[in-house]
């Protein structure tokens, strides 16, 4: 009977350890989920900023093209005046 009690205590101790591990894993899962949500939020912000930057770059490219056209036109006028 003494061995049954020892076995019971050993199994019970192992069970307690497993419960502690499960509890820690649940905490880790909650933390990971919170981190995932934060990363998704930050990703949305970065995507939005990227789109704004691309729009600004496109606007600047258009302005540059307009300036180049203006300079070509001024150069033609200057050459025709000579």
Protein backbone atom coordinates (compact mmCIF):
# COMPACT_ATOMS: atom_id res chain seq x y z
CA UNK A 1 0.00 0.00 0.00
CA UNK A 2 2.91 2.29 0.66
CA UNK A 3 3.88 2.17 -3.02
CA UNK A 4 0.37 3.13 -4.11
CA UNK A 5 0.56 6.22 -1.92
CA UNK A 6 3.99 7.05 -3.31
CA UNK A 7 2.67 6.60 -6.86
CA UNK A 8 -0.32 8.79 -6.06
CA UNK A 9 1.89 11.56 -4.66
CA UNK A 10 4.22 11.33 -7.63
CA UNK A 11 1.33 11.53 -10.11
CA UNK A 12 -0.24 14.35 -8.12
CA UNK A 13 3.04 16.29 -8.07
CA UNK A 14 3.42 15.77 -11.83
CA UNK A 15 -0.17 16.89 -12.34
CA UNK A 16 0.51 20.10 -10.39
CA UNK A 17 3.59 20.77 -12.50
CA UNK A 18 1.55 20.25 -15.68
CA UNK A 19 -1.14 22.62 -14.41
CA UNK A 20 1.53 25.25 -13.74
CA UNK A 21 2.96 24.76 -17.23
CA UNK A 22 -0.52 25.04 -18.75
CA UNK A 23 -1.17 28.20 -16.78
CA UNK A 24 2.10 29.71 -18.03
CA UNK A 25 1.28 28.68 -21.60
CA UNK A 26 -2.12 30.37 -21.33
CA UNK A 27 -0.42 33.57 -20.12
CA UNK A 28 2.03 33.34 -23.01
CA UNK A 29 -0.84 32.84 -25.47
CA UNK A 30 -2.64 35.93 -24.16
CA UNK A 31 0.55 37.95 -24.41
CA UNK A 32 1.20 36.68 -27.95
CA UNK A 33 -2.36 37.54 -28.98
CA UNK A 34 -1.96 41.03 -27.53
CA UNK A 35 1.36 41.44 -29.38
CA UNK A 36 -0.24 40.17 -32.60
CA UNK A 37 -3.04 42.72 -32.33
CA UNK A 38 -0.55 45.52 -31.66
CA UNK A 39 1.57 44.47 -34.65
CA UNK A 40 -1.52 44.37 -36.87
CA UNK A 41 -2.44 47.90 -35.72
CA UNK A 42 1.08 49.16 -36.38
CA UNK A 43 1.08 47.44 -39.79
CA UNK A 44 -2.13 49.25 -40.73
CA UNK A 45 -0.55 52.57 -39.73
CA UNK A 46 2.57 51.80 -41.77
CA UNK A 47 0.53 50.82 -44.81
CA UNK A 48 -1.40 54.08 -44.54
CA UNK A 49 1.83 56.08 -44.21
CA UNK A 50 3.29 54.22 -47.20
CA UNK A 51 0.28 55.13 -49.33
CA UNK A 52 0.55 58.78 -48.28
CA UNK A 53 4.26 58.78 -49.12
CA UNK A 54 3.61 57.19 -52.52
CA UNK A 55 0.95 59.83 -53.25
CA UNK A 56 3.39 62.61 -52.31
CA UNK A 57 6.09 61.03 -54.46
CA UNK A 58 3.69 60.83 -57.40
CA UNK A 59 2.77 64.49 -56.91
CA UNK A 60 6.44 65.45 -56.80
CA UNK A 61 7.14 63.46 -59.97
CA UNK A 62 4.31 65.28 -61.71
CA UNK A 63 5.66 68.64 -60.53
CA UNK A 64 9.11 67.67 -61.78
CA UNK A 65 7.68 66.72 -65.17
CA UNK A 66 5.87 70.06 -65.32
CA UNK A 67 9.08 71.92 -64.47
CA UNK A 68 10.99 69.98 -67.14
CA UNK A 69 8.31 70.85 -69.71
CA UNK A 70 8.44 74.49 -68.64
CA UNK A 71 12.23 74.54 -68.91
CA UNK A 72 12.07 72.98 -72.40
CA UNK A 73 9.54 75.58 -73.45
CA UNK A 74 11.69 78.41 -72.03
CA UNK A 75 14.75 76.96 -73.75
CA UNK A 76 12.89 76.88 -77.10
CA UNK A 77 11.77 80.49 -76.59
CA UNK A 78 15.29 81.53 -75.69
CA UNK A 79 16.75 79.78 -78.73
CA UNK A 80 14.13 81.28 -81.04
CA UNK A 81 14.88 84.79 -79.72
CA UNK A 82 18.51 84.39 -80.62
